[in-house]
Full PDB file with SEQRES, HELIX, SHEET, SSBOND, CRYST1, ORIGX, SCALE, CONECT and MASTER records, all heavy atoms in Angstrom:
SEQRES   1 A   40  HIS LEU LYS ASP VAL VAL LYS GLU GLY MET ARG ASP ARG          
SEQRES   2 A   40  PHE ASP GLN LEU ARG ARG MET GLY ILE ARG THR VAL MET          
SEQRES   3 A   40  ILE THR GLY ASP ASN PRO LEU THR ALA HIS ALA ILE ALA          
SEQRES   4 A   40  GLN                                                          
HELIX    1 AA1 MET A   10  ARG A   19  1                                  10    
HELIX    2 AA2 PRO A   32  ALA A   39  1                                   8    
CRYST1    1.000    1.000    1.000  90.00  90.00  90.00 P 1           1          
ORIGX1      1.000000  0.000000  0.000000        0.00000                         
ORIGX2      0.000000  1.000000  0.000000        0.00000                         
ORIGX3      0.000000  0.000000  1.000000        0.00000                         
SCALE1      1.000000  0.000000  0.000000        0.00000                         
SCALE2      0.000000  1.000000  0.000000        0.00000                         
SCALE3      0.000000  0.000000  1.000000        0.00000                         
ATOM      1  N   HIS A   1      37.123 -52.164 -64.473  1.00  0.00           N  
ATOM      2  CA  HIS A   1      37.082 -50.765 -64.915  1.00  0.00           C  
ATOM      3  C   HIS A   1      35.907 -50.574 -65.876  1.00  0.00           C  
ATOM      4  O   HIS A   1      35.897 -51.110 -66.979  1.00  0.00           O  
ATOM      5  CB  HIS A   1      38.397 -50.404 -65.613  1.00  0.00           C  
ATOM      6  CG  HIS A   1      38.484 -48.949 -65.991  1.00  0.00           C  
ATOM      7  ND1 HIS A   1      39.611 -48.397 -66.553  1.00  0.00           N  
ATOM      8  CD2 HIS A   1      37.609 -47.931 -65.892  1.00  0.00           C  
ATOM      9  CE1 HIS A   1      39.414 -47.113 -66.780  1.00  0.00           C  
ATOM     10  NE2 HIS A   1      38.186 -46.816 -66.383  1.00  0.00           N  
ATOM     11  N   LEU A   2      34.908 -49.812 -65.426  1.00  0.00           N  
ATOM     12  CA  LEU A   2      33.791 -49.431 -66.287  1.00  0.00           C  
ATOM     13  C   LEU A   2      34.011 -48.012 -66.784  1.00  0.00           C  
ATOM     14  O   LEU A   2      34.450 -47.151 -66.024  1.00  0.00           O  
ATOM     15  CB  LEU A   2      32.468 -49.458 -65.519  1.00  0.00           C  
ATOM     16  CG  LEU A   2      31.815 -50.786 -65.172  1.00  0.00           C  
ATOM     17  CD1 LEU A   2      30.494 -50.520 -64.477  1.00  0.00           C  
ATOM     18  CD2 LEU A   2      31.603 -51.647 -66.385  1.00  0.00           C  
ATOM     19  N   LYS A   3      33.686 -47.768 -68.028  1.00  0.00           N  
ATOM     20  CA  LYS A   3      33.834 -46.410 -68.535  1.00  0.00           C  
ATOM     21  C   LYS A   3      32.802 -46.141 -69.612  1.00  0.00           C  
ATOM     22  O   LYS A   3      32.299 -47.056 -70.271  1.00  0.00           O  
ATOM     23  CB  LYS A   3      35.239 -46.173 -69.091  1.00  0.00           C  
ATOM     24  CG  LYS A   3      35.594 -46.998 -70.323  1.00  0.00           C  
ATOM     25  CD  LYS A   3      36.950 -46.601 -70.886  1.00  0.00           C  
ATOM     26  CE  LYS A   3      36.932 -45.192 -71.431  1.00  0.00           C  
ATOM     27  NZ  LYS A   3      38.161 -44.828 -72.137  1.00  0.00           N  
ATOM     28  N   ASP A   4      32.477 -44.871 -69.741  1.00  0.00           N  
ATOM     29  CA  ASP A   4      31.651 -44.435 -70.862  1.00  0.00           C  
ATOM     30  C   ASP A   4      32.516 -44.483 -72.112  1.00  0.00           C  
ATOM     31  O   ASP A   4      33.566 -43.838 -72.170  1.00  0.00           O  
ATOM     32  CB  ASP A   4      31.153 -43.006 -70.640  1.00  0.00           C  
ATOM     33  CG  ASP A   4      30.018 -42.942 -69.642  1.00  0.00           C  
ATOM     34  OD1 ASP A   4      29.002 -43.605 -69.880  1.00  0.00           O  
ATOM     35  OD2 ASP A   4      30.165 -42.240 -68.629  1.00  0.00           O  
ATOM     36  N   VAL A   5      32.061 -45.232 -73.083  1.00  0.00           N  
ATOM     37  CA  VAL A   5      32.833 -45.383 -74.315  1.00  0.00           C  
ATOM     38  C   VAL A   5      32.399 -44.310 -75.309  1.00  0.00           C  
ATOM     39  O   VAL A   5      31.234 -44.262 -75.721  1.00  0.00           O  
ATOM     40  CB  VAL A   5      32.638 -46.784 -74.920  1.00  0.00           C  
ATOM     41  CG1 VAL A   5      33.419 -46.917 -76.222  1.00  0.00           C  
ATOM     42  CG2 VAL A   5      33.072 -47.849 -73.919  1.00  0.00           C  
ATOM     43  N   VAL A   6      33.314 -43.440 -75.646  1.00  0.00           N  
ATOM     44  CA  VAL A   6      33.026 -42.378 -76.608  1.00  0.00           C  
ATOM     45  C   VAL A   6      32.869 -42.994 -77.996  1.00  0.00           C  
ATOM     46  O   VAL A   6      33.651 -43.851 -78.408  1.00  0.00           O  
ATOM     47  CB  VAL A   6      34.153 -41.323 -76.611  1.00  0.00           C  
ATOM     48  CG1 VAL A   6      33.918 -40.284 -77.704  1.00  0.00           C  
ATOM     49  CG2 VAL A   6      34.243 -40.656 -75.248  1.00  0.00           C  
ATOM     50  N   LYS A   7      31.836 -42.577 -78.699  1.00  0.00           N  
ATOM     51  CA  LYS A   7      31.576 -43.132 -80.023  1.00  0.00           C  
ATOM     52  C   LYS A   7      32.736 -42.850 -80.970  1.00  0.00           C  
ATOM     53  O   LYS A   7      33.358 -41.791 -80.904  1.00  0.00           O  
ATOM     54  CB  LYS A   7      30.292 -42.531 -80.599  1.00  0.00           C  
ATOM     55  CG  LYS A   7      29.041 -42.947 -79.855  1.00  0.00           C  
ATOM     56  CD  LYS A   7      27.815 -42.298 -80.463  1.00  0.00           C  
ATOM     57  CE  LYS A   7      26.570 -42.712 -79.723  1.00  0.00           C  
ATOM     58  NZ  LYS A   7      25.360 -42.063 -80.267  1.00  0.00           N  
ATOM     59  N   GLU A   8      32.970 -43.814 -81.816  1.00  0.00           N  
ATOM     60  CA  GLU A   8      34.068 -43.689 -82.777  1.00  0.00           C  
ATOM     61  C   GLU A   8      33.835 -42.494 -83.702  1.00  0.00           C  
ATOM     62  O   GLU A   8      32.744 -42.286 -84.222  1.00  0.00           O  
ATOM     63  CB  GLU A   8      34.165 -44.972 -83.605  1.00  0.00           C  
ATOM     64  CG  GLU A   8      35.354 -45.001 -84.557  1.00  0.00           C  
ATOM     65  CD  GLU A   8      35.461 -46.311 -85.310  1.00  0.00           C  
ATOM     66  OE1 GLU A   8      34.663 -47.223 -85.019  1.00  0.00           O  
ATOM     67  OE2 GLU A   8      36.336 -46.419 -86.189  1.00  0.00           O  
ATOM     68  N   GLY A   9      34.864 -41.701 -83.885  1.00  0.00           N  
ATOM     69  CA  GLY A   9      34.804 -40.569 -84.799  1.00  0.00           C  
ATOM     70  C   GLY A   9      34.244 -39.295 -84.202  1.00  0.00           C  
ATOM     71  O   GLY A   9      34.153 -38.274 -84.897  1.00  0.00           O  
ATOM     72  N   MET A  10      33.869 -39.319 -82.897  1.00  0.00           N  
ATOM     73  CA  MET A  10      33.275 -38.122 -82.310  1.00  0.00           C  
ATOM     74  C   MET A  10      34.272 -36.959 -82.252  1.00  0.00           C  
ATOM     75  O   MET A  10      33.915 -35.817 -82.499  1.00  0.00           O  
ATOM     76  CB  MET A  10      32.741 -38.426 -80.907  1.00  0.00           C  
ATOM     77  CG  MET A  10      31.500 -39.298 -80.880  1.00  0.00           C  
ATOM     78  SD  MET A  10      30.127 -38.666 -81.894  1.00  0.00           S  
ATOM     79  CE  MET A  10      29.750 -37.133 -81.063  1.00  0.00           C  
ATOM     80  N   ARG A  11      35.524 -37.266 -81.909  1.00  0.00           N  
ATOM     81  CA  ARG A  11      36.523 -36.187 -81.843  1.00  0.00           C  
ATOM     82  C   ARG A  11      36.667 -35.505 -83.210  1.00  0.00           C  
ATOM     83  O   ARG A  11      36.768 -34.275 -83.290  1.00  0.00           O  
ATOM     84  CB  ARG A  11      37.867 -36.741 -81.364  1.00  0.00           C  
ATOM     85  CG  ARG A  11      38.989 -35.696 -81.348  1.00  0.00           C  
ATOM     86  CD  ARG A  11      40.257 -36.237 -80.725  1.00  0.00           C  
ATOM     87  NE  ARG A  11      40.155 -36.282 -79.274  1.00  0.00           N  
ATOM     88  CZ  ARG A  11      40.410 -35.263 -78.472  1.00  0.00           C  
ATOM     89  NH1 ARG A  11      40.758 -34.085 -78.979  1.00  0.00           N  
ATOM     90  NH2 ARG A  11      40.301 -35.381 -77.174  1.00  0.00           N  
ATOM     91  N   ASP A  12      36.671 -36.298 -84.269  1.00  0.00           N  
ATOM     92  CA  ASP A  12      36.773 -35.715 -85.610  1.00  0.00           C  
ATOM     93  C   ASP A  12      35.576 -34.828 -85.918  1.00  0.00           C  
ATOM     94  O   ASP A  12      35.706 -33.760 -86.528  1.00  0.00           O  
ATOM     95  CB  ASP A  12      36.878 -36.823 -86.664  1.00  0.00           C  
ATOM     96  CG  ASP A  12      38.198 -37.565 -86.587  1.00  0.00           C  
ATOM     97  OD1 ASP A  12      39.164 -36.995 -86.037  1.00  0.00           O  
ATOM     98  OD2 ASP A  12      38.264 -38.717 -87.055  1.00  0.00           O  
ATOM     99  N   ARG A  13      34.389 -35.255 -85.484  1.00  0.00           N  
ATOM    100  CA  ARG A  13      33.194 -34.469 -85.755  1.00  0.00           C  
ATOM    101  C   ARG A  13      33.219 -33.157 -84.976  1.00  0.00           C  
ATOM    102  O   ARG A  13      32.800 -32.110 -85.480  1.00  0.00           O  
ATOM    103  CB  ARG A  13      31.934 -35.271 -85.406  1.00  0.00           C  
ATOM    104  CG  ARG A  13      31.812 -36.576 -86.181  1.00  0.00           C  
ATOM    105  CD  ARG A  13      30.404 -37.077 -86.208  1.00  0.00           C  
ATOM    106  NE  ARG A  13      29.599 -36.338 -87.178  1.00  0.00           N  
ATOM    107  CZ  ARG A  13      28.345 -36.669 -87.511  1.00  0.00           C  
ATOM    108  NH1 ARG A  13      27.780 -37.702 -86.934  1.00  0.00           N  
ATOM    109  NH2 ARG A  13      27.681 -35.965 -88.386  1.00  0.00           N  
ATOM    110  N   PHE A  14      33.707 -33.205 -83.745  1.00  0.00           N  
ATOM    111  CA  PHE A  14      33.787 -31.971 -82.967  1.00  0.00           C  
ATOM    112  C   PHE A  14      34.863 -31.047 -83.528  1.00  0.00           C  
ATOM    113  O   PHE A  14      34.718 -29.823 -83.493  1.00  0.00           O  
ATOM    114  CB  PHE A  14      34.051 -32.284 -81.495  1.00  0.00           C  
ATOM    115  CG  PHE A  14      32.861 -32.905 -80.798  1.00  0.00           C  
ATOM    116  CD1 PHE A  14      33.013 -34.018 -79.985  1.00  0.00           C  
ATOM    117  CD2 PHE A  14      31.600 -32.380 -80.966  1.00  0.00           C  
ATOM    118  CE1 PHE A  14      31.925 -34.583 -79.354  1.00  0.00           C  
ATOM    119  CE2 PHE A  14      30.500 -32.942 -80.335  1.00  0.00           C  
ATOM    120  CZ  PHE A  14      30.659 -34.053 -79.526  1.00  0.00           C  
ATOM    121  N   ASP A  15      35.939 -31.625 -84.040  1.00  0.00           N  
ATOM    122  CA  ASP A  15      36.947 -30.805 -84.716  1.00  0.00           C  
ATOM    123  C   ASP A  15      36.336 -30.115 -85.940  1.00  0.00           C  
ATOM    124  O   ASP A  15      36.627 -28.948 -86.232  1.00  0.00           O  
ATOM    125  CB  ASP A  15      38.134 -31.670 -85.154  1.00  0.00           C  
ATOM    126  CG  ASP A  15      38.995 -32.105 -83.973  1.00  0.00           C  
ATOM    127  OD1 ASP A  15      38.886 -31.483 -82.898  1.00  0.00           O  
ATOM    128  OD2 ASP A  15      39.761 -33.073 -84.116  1.00  0.00           O  
ATOM    129  N   GLN A  16      35.482 -30.853 -86.634  1.00  0.00           N  
ATOM    130  CA  GLN A  16      34.807 -30.302 -87.808  1.00  0.00           C  
ATOM    131  C   GLN A  16      33.896 -29.143 -87.406  1.00  0.00           C  
ATOM    132  O   GLN A  16      33.875 -28.091 -88.062  1.00  0.00           O  
ATOM    133  CB  GLN A  16      33.994 -31.406 -88.482  1.00  0.00           C  
ATOM    134  CG  GLN A  16      33.260 -30.975 -89.733  1.00  0.00           C  
ATOM    135  CD  GLN A  16      32.456 -32.116 -90.342  1.00  0.00           C  
ATOM    136  OE1 GLN A  16      32.480 -33.234 -89.845  1.00  0.00           O  
ATOM    137  NE2 GLN A  16      31.737 -31.833 -91.385  1.00  0.00           N  
ATOM    138  N   LEU A  17      33.157 -29.312 -86.306  1.00  0.00           N  
ATOM    139  CA  LEU A  17      32.287 -28.240 -85.822  1.00  0.00           C  
ATOM    140  C   LEU A  17      33.108 -27.025 -85.401  1.00  0.00           C  
ATOM    141  O   LEU A  17      32.694 -25.881 -85.616  1.00  0.00           O  
ATOM    142  CB  LEU A  17      31.445 -28.740 -84.648  1.00  0.00           C  
ATOM    143  CG  LEU A  17      30.306 -29.701 -85.004  1.00  0.00           C  
ATOM    144  CD1 LEU A  17      29.738 -30.361 -83.755  1.00  0.00           C  
ATOM    145  CD2 LEU A  17      29.206 -28.972 -85.752  1.00  0.00           C  
ATOM    146  N   ARG A  18      34.259 -27.274 -84.812  1.00  0.00           N  
ATOM    147  CA  ARG A  18      35.127 -26.167 -84.387  1.00  0.00           C  
ATOM    148  C   ARG A  18      35.577 -25.361 -85.606  1.00  0.00           C  
ATOM    149  O   ARG A  18      35.651 -24.129 -85.561  1.00  0.00           O  
ATOM    150  CB  ARG A  18      36.312 -26.732 -83.611  1.00  0.00           C  
ATOM    151  CG  ARG A  18      37.051 -25.696 -82.754  1.00  0.00           C  
ATOM    152  CD  ARG A  18      38.052 -26.383 -81.841  1.00  0.00           C  
ATOM    153  NE  ARG A  18      37.388 -27.184 -80.819  1.00  0.00           N  
ATOM    154  CZ  ARG A  18      37.411 -28.516 -80.770  1.00  0.00           C  
ATOM    155  NH1 ARG A  18      38.071 -29.205 -81.681  1.00  0.00           N  
ATOM    156  NH2 ARG A  18      36.775 -29.164 -79.832  1.00  0.00           N  
ATOM    157  N   ARG A  19      35.892 -26.065 -86.692  1.00  0.00           N  
ATOM    158  CA  ARG A  19      36.281 -25.360 -87.920  1.00  0.00           C  
ATOM    159  C   ARG A  19      35.111 -24.576 -88.507  1.00  0.00           C  
ATOM    160  O   ARG A  19      35.301 -23.603 -89.234  1.00  0.00           O  
ATOM    161  CB  ARG A  19      36.807 -26.369 -88.956  1.00  0.00           C  
ATOM    162  CG  ARG A  19      38.144 -27.002 -88.585  1.00  0.00           C  
ATOM    163  CD  ARG A  19      38.755 -27.725 -89.770  1.00  0.00           C  
ATOM    164  NE  ARG A  19      37.948 -28.844 -90.205  1.00  0.00           N  
ATOM    165  CZ  ARG A  19      38.050 -30.086 -89.735  1.00  0.00           C  
ATOM    166  NH1 ARG A  19      38.937 -30.348 -88.767  1.00  0.00           N  
ATOM    167  NH2 ARG A  19      37.289 -31.050 -90.194  1.00  0.00           N  
ATOM    168  N   MET A  20      33.902 -25.006 -88.190  1.00  0.00           N  
ATOM    169  CA  MET A  20      32.718 -24.299 -88.638  1.00  0.00           C  
ATOM    170  C   MET A  20      32.418 -23.098 -87.746  1.00  0.00           C  
ATOM    171  O   MET A  20      31.473 -22.347 -88.003  1.00  0.00           O  
ATOM    172  CB  MET A  20      31.507 -25.251 -88.619  1.00  0.00           C  
ATOM    173  CG  MET A  20      31.590 -26.368 -89.647  1.00  0.00           C  
ATOM    174  SD  MET A  20      30.509 -27.788 -89.288  1.00  0.00           S  
ATOM    175  CE  MET A  20      28.896 -27.058 -89.313  1.00  0.00           C  
ATOM    176  N   GLY A  21      33.203 -22.929 -86.689  1.00  0.00           N  
ATOM    177  CA  GLY A  21      32.988 -21.811 -85.780  1.00  0.00           C  
ATOM    178  C   GLY A  21      31.944 -22.084 -84.720  1.00  0.00           C  
ATOM    179  O   GLY A  21      31.387 -21.149 -84.139  1.00  0.00           O  
ATOM    180  N   ILE A  22      31.660 -23.363 -84.451  1.00  0.00           N  
ATOM    181  CA  ILE A  22      30.628 -23.733 -83.482  1.00  0.00           C  
ATOM    182  C   ILE A  22      31.283 -24.271 -82.216  1.00  0.00           C  
ATOM    183  O   ILE A  22      32.133 -25.160 -82.267  1.00  0.00           O  
ATOM    184  CB  ILE A  22      29.674 -24.792 -84.070  1.00  0.00           C  
ATOM    185  CG1 ILE A  22      28.942 -24.210 -85.271  1.00  0.00           C  
ATOM    186  CG2 ILE A  22      28.683 -25.278 -83.021  1.00  0.00           C  
ATOM    187  CD1 ILE A  22      28.085 -25.213 -86.000  1.00  0.00           C  
ATOM    188  N   ARG A  23      30.873 -23.725 -81.090  1.00  0.00           N  
ATOM    189  CA  ARG A  23      31.371 -24.168 -79.780  1.00  0.00           C  
ATOM    190  C   ARG A  23      30.476 -25.288 -79.264  1.00  0.00           C  
ATOM    191  O   ARG A  23      29.256 -25.168 -79.253  1.00  0.00           O  
ATOM    192  CB  ARG A  23      31.365 -22.985 -78.806  1.00  0.00           C  
ATOM    193  CG  ARG A  23      31.761 -23.317 -77.377  1.00  0.00           C  
ATOM    194  CD  ARG A  23      31.902 -22.014 -76.578  1.00  0.00           C  
ATOM    195  NE  ARG A  23      32.015 -22.263 -75.156  1.00  0.00           N  
ATOM    196  CZ  ARG A  23      31.001 -22.243 -74.309  1.00  0.00           C  
ATOM    197  NH1 ARG A  23      29.781 -21.963 -74.760  1.00  0.00           N  
ATOM    198  NH2 ARG A  23      31.175 -22.466 -73.023  1.00  0.00           N  
ATOM    199  N   THR A  24      31.083 -26.389 -78.819  1.00  0.00           N  
ATOM    200  CA  THR A  24      30.320 -27.544 -78.355  1.00  0.00           C  
ATOM    201  C   THR A  24      30.382 -27.643 -76.837  1.00  0.00           C  
ATOM    202  O   THR A  24      31.443 -27.471 -76.238  1.00  0.00           O  
ATOM    203  CB  THR A  24      30.852 -28.838 -78.984  1.00  0.00           C  
ATOM    204  OG1 THR A  24      32.267 -28.940 -78.751  1.00  0.00           O  
ATOM    205  CG2 THR A  24      30.603 -28.856 -80.479  1.00  0.00           C  
ATOM    206  N   VAL A  25      29.229 -27.927 -76.230  1.00  0.00           N  
ATOM    207  CA  VAL A  25      29.131 -28.066 -74.784  1.00  0.00           C  
ATOM    208  C   VAL A  25      28.444 -29.387 -74.474  1.00  0.00           C  
ATOM    209  O   VAL A  25      27.329 -29.643 -74.950  1.00  0.00           O  
ATOM    210  CB  VAL A  25      28.333 -26.906 -74.159  1.00  0.00           C  
ATOM    211  CG1 VAL A  25      28.259 -27.073 -72.639  1.00  0.00           C  
ATOM    212  CG2 VAL A  25      28.959 -25.562 -74.515  1.00  0.00           C  
ATOM    213  N   MET A  26      29.103 -30.223 -73.700  1.00  0.00           N  
ATOM    214  CA  MET A  26      28.529 -31.502 -73.283  1.00  0.00           C  
ATOM    215  C   MET A  26      27.740 -31.302 -71.992  1.00  0.00           C  
ATOM    216  O   MET A  26      28.234 -30.697 -71.041  1.00  0.00           O  
ATOM    217  CB  MET A  26      29.636 -32.532 -73.065  1.00  0.00           C  
ATOM    218  CG  MET A  26      29.145 -33.908 -72.652  1.00  0.00           C  
ATOM    219  SD  MET A  26      30.517 -35.028 -72.259  1.00  0.00           S  
ATOM    220  CE  MET A  26      30.975 -34.416 -70.630  1.00  0.00           C  
ATOM    221  N   ILE A  27      26.518 -31.827 -71.956  1.00  0.00           N  
ATOM    222  CA  ILE A  27      25.672 -31.735 -70.769  1.00  0.00           C  
ATOM    223  C   ILE A  27      25.529 -33.127 -70.164  1.00  0.00           C  
ATOM    224  O   ILE A  27      25.220 -34.087 -70.877  1.00  0.00           O  
ATOM    225  CB  ILE A  27      24.280 -31.185 -71.122  1.00  0.00           C  
ATOM    226  CG1 ILE A  27      24.404 -29.801 -71.759  1.00  0.00           C  
ATOM    227  CG2 ILE A  27      23.392 -31.118 -69.903  1.00  0.00           C  
ATOM    228  CD1 ILE A  27      23.087 -29.232 -72.221  1.00  0.00           C  
ATOM    229  N   THR A  28      25.761 -33.235 -68.864  1.00  0.00           N  
ATOM    230  CA  THR A  28      25.687 -34.540 -68.217  1.00  0.00           C  
ATOM    231  C   THR A  28      25.294 -34.384 -66.753  1.00  0.00           C  
ATOM    232  O   THR A  28      25.514 -33.336 -66.142  1.00  0.00           O  
ATOM    233  CB  THR A  28      27.044 -35.271 -68.315  1.00  0.00           C  
ATOM    234  OG1 THR A  28      26.959 -36.515 -67.608  1.00  0.00           O  
ATOM    235  CG2 THR A  28      28.164 -34.436 -67.713  1.00  0.00           C  
ATOM    236  N   GLY A  29      24.723 -35.424 -66.224  1.00  0.00           N  
ATOM    237  CA  GLY A  29      24.406 -35.455 -64.796  1.00  0.00           C  
ATOM    238  C   GLY A  29      25.537 -36.028 -63.972  1.00  0.00           C  
ATOM    239  O   GLY A  29      25.431 -36.120 -62.743  1.00  0.00           O  
ATOM    240  N   ASP A  30      26.639 -36.432 -64.623  1.00  0.00           N  
ATOM    241  CA  ASP A  30      27.787 -37.002 -63.912  1.00  0.00           C  
ATOM    242  C   ASP A  30      28.477 -35.947 -63.057  1.00  0.00           C  
ATOM    243  O   ASP A  30      28.293 -34.744 -63.242  1.00  0.00           O  
ATOM    244  CB  ASP A  30      28.798 -37.580 -64.911  1.00  0.00           C  
ATOM    245  CG  ASP A  30      28.295 -38.875 -65.535  1.00  0.00           C  
ATOM    246  OD1 ASP A  30      27.430 -39.520 -64.926  1.00  0.00           O  
ATOM    247  OD2 ASP A  30      28.753 -39.213 -66.635  1.00  0.00           O  
ATOM    248  N   ASN A  31      29.333 -36.442 -62.164  1.00  0.00           N  
ATOM    249  CA  ASN A  31      30.129 -35.527 -61.350  1.00  0.00           C  
ATOM    250  C   ASN A  31      31.178 -34.831 -62.232  1.00  0.00           C  
ATOM    251  O   ASN A  31      31.515 -35.324 -63.317  1.00  0.00           O  
ATOM    252  CB  ASN A  31      30.804 -36.283 -60.202  1.00  0.00           C  
ATOM    253  CG  ASN A  31      31.759 -37.349 -60.716  1.00  0.00           C  
ATOM    254  OD1 ASN A  31      32.838 -37.048 -61.226  1.00  0.00           O  
ATOM    255  ND2 ASN A  31      31.375 -38.611 -60.589  1.00  0.00           N  
ATOM    256  N   PRO A  32      31.708 -33.708 -61.788  1.00  0.00           N  
ATOM    257  CA  PRO A  32      32.652 -32.937 -62.617  1.00  0.00           C  
ATOM    258  C   PRO A  32      33.888 -33.723 -63.031  1.00  0.00           C  
ATOM    259  O   PRO A  32      34.418 -33.514 -64.128  1.00  0.00           O  
ATOM    260  CB  PRO A  32      33.024 -31.750 -61.722  1.00  0.00           C  
ATOM    261  CG  PRO A  32      31.839 -31.585 -60.818  1.00  0.00           C  
ATOM    262  CD  PRO A  32      31.335 -32.974 -60.560  1.00  0.00           C  
ATOM    263  N   LEU A  33      34.372 -34.641 -62.161  1.00  0.00           N  
ATOM    264  CA  LEU A  33      35.573 -35.402 -62.481  1.00  0.00           C  
ATOM    265  C   LEU A  33      35.340 -36.295 -63.694  1.00  0.00           C  
ATOM    266  O   LEU A  33      36.122 -36.322 -64.650  1.00  0.00           O  
ATOM    267  CB  LEU A  33      35.992 -36.243 -61.272  1.00  0.00           C  
ATOM    268  CG  LEU A  33      37.404 -36.821 -61.294  1.00  0.00           C  
ATOM    269  CD1 LEU A  33      38.447 -35.714 -61.311  1.00  0.00           C  
ATOM    270  CD2 LEU A  33      37.611 -37.733 -60.083  1.00  0.00           C  
ATOM    271  N   THR A  34      34.217 -37.038 -63.652  1.00  0.00           N  
ATOM    272  CA  THR A  34      33.882 -37.915 -64.778  1.00  0.00           C  
ATOM    273  C   THR A  34      33.592 -37.095 -66.027  1.00  0.00           C  
ATOM    274  O   THR A  34      34.035 -37.436 -67.128  1.00  0.00           O  
ATOM    275  CB  THR A  34      32.667 -38.782 -64.426  1.00  0.00           C  
ATOM    276  OG1 THR A  34      32.970 -39.569 -63.273  1.00  0.00           O  
ATOM    277  CG2 THR A  34      32.298 -39.699 -65.582  1.00  0.00           C  
ATOM    278  N   ALA A  35      32.864 -36.010 -65.861  1.00  0.00           N  
ATOM    279  CA  ALA A  35      32.516 -35.164 -67.005  1.00  0.00           C  
ATOM    280  C   ALA A  35      33.770 -34.601 -67.670  1.00  0.00           C  
ATOM    281  O   ALA A  35      33.865 -34.555 -68.905  1.00  0.00           O  
ATOM    282  CB  ALA A  35      31.604 -34.029 -66.553  1.00  0.00           C  
ATOM    283  N   HIS A  36      34.740 -34.185 -66.852  1.00  0.00           N  
ATOM    284  CA  HIS A  36      35.976 -33.621 -67.399  1.00  0.00           C  
ATOM    285  C   HIS A  36      36.727 -34.663 -68.224  1.00  0.00           C  
ATOM    286  O   HIS A  36      37.241 -34.358 -69.311  1.00  0.00           O  
ATOM    287  CB  HIS A  36      36.853 -33.121 -66.257  1.00  0.00           C  
ATOM    288  CG  HIS A  36      38.187 -32.590 -66.703  1.00  0.00           C  
ATOM    289  ND1 HIS A  36      38.317 -31.389 -67.363  1.00  0.00           N  
ATOM    290  CD2 HIS A  36      39.436 -33.117 -66.606  1.00  0.00           C  
ATOM    291  CE1 HIS A  36      39.598 -31.189 -67.650  1.00  0.00           C  
ATOM    292  NE2 HIS A  36      40.296 -32.221 -67.195  1.00  0.00           N  
ATOM    293  N   ALA A  37      36.779 -35.905 -67.718  1.00  0.00           N  
ATOM    294  CA  ALA A  37      37.501 -36.962 -68.437  1.00  0.00           C  
ATOM    295  C   ALA A  37      36.846 -37.260 -69.785  1.00  0.00           C  
ATOM    296  O   ALA A  37      37.528 -37.400 -70.807  1.00  0.00           O  
ATOM    297  CB  ALA A  37      37.557 -38.221 -67.578  1.00  0.00           C  
ATOM    298  N   ILE A  38      35.513 -37.375 -69.799  1.00  0.00           N  
ATOM    299  CA  ILE A  38      34.811 -37.663 -71.050  1.00  0.00           C  
ATOM    300  C   ILE A  38      34.941 -36.491 -72.021  1.00  0.00           C  
ATOM    301  O   ILE A  38      35.130 -36.678 -73.224  1.00  0.00           O  
ATOM    302  CB  ILE A  38      33.327 -37.964 -70.769  1.00  0.00           C  
ATOM    303  CG1 ILE A  38      33.182 -39.230 -69.920  1.00  0.00           C  
ATOM    304  CG2 ILE A  38      32.555 -38.128 -72.076  1.00  0.00           C  
ATOM    305  CD1 ILE A  38      33.698 -40.485 -70.569  1.00  0.00           C  
ATOM    306  N   ALA A  39      34.847 -35.274 -71.503  1.00  0.00           N  
ATOM    307  CA  ALA A  39      34.963 -34.091 -72.360  1.00  0.00           C  
ATOM    308  C   ALA A  39      36.321 -34.033 -73.044  1.00  0.00           C  
ATOM    309  O   ALA A  39      36.427 -33.700 -74.225  1.00  0.00           O  
ATOM    310  CB  ALA A  39      34.722 -32.828 -71.538  1.00  0.00           C  
ATOM    311  N   GLN A  40      37.368 -34.379 -72.283  1.00  0.00           N  
ATOM    312  CA  GLN A  40      38.714 -34.369 -72.874  1.00  0.00           C  
ATOM    313  C   GLN A  40      38.860 -35.441 -73.935  1.00  0.00           C  
ATOM    314  O   GLN A  40      39.436 -35.213 -75.001  1.00  0.00           O  
ATOM    315  CB  GLN A  40      39.752 -34.571 -71.772  1.00  0.00           C  
ATOM    316  CG  GLN A  40      40.096 -33.304 -70.998  1.00  0.00           C  
ATOM    317  CD  GLN A  40      41.396 -33.451 -70.233  1.00  0.00           C  
ATOM    318  OE1 GLN A  40      41.696 -34.522 -69.688  1.00  0.00           O  
ATOM    319  NE2 GLN A  40      42.178 -32.376 -70.172  1.00  0.00           N  
TER     320      GLN A  40                                                      
MASTER        0    0    0    2    0    0    0    6  319    1    0    4          
END                                                                             
């Protein structure tokens, strides 16, 4: 099983940006299935 490893603390940082009123969008060349999993 190979996977893109999300950097430690990224979810907390995005939560922080959300509290700042900033919407985050991930851009990737991956297929939608992989992109959806990483985004979640």
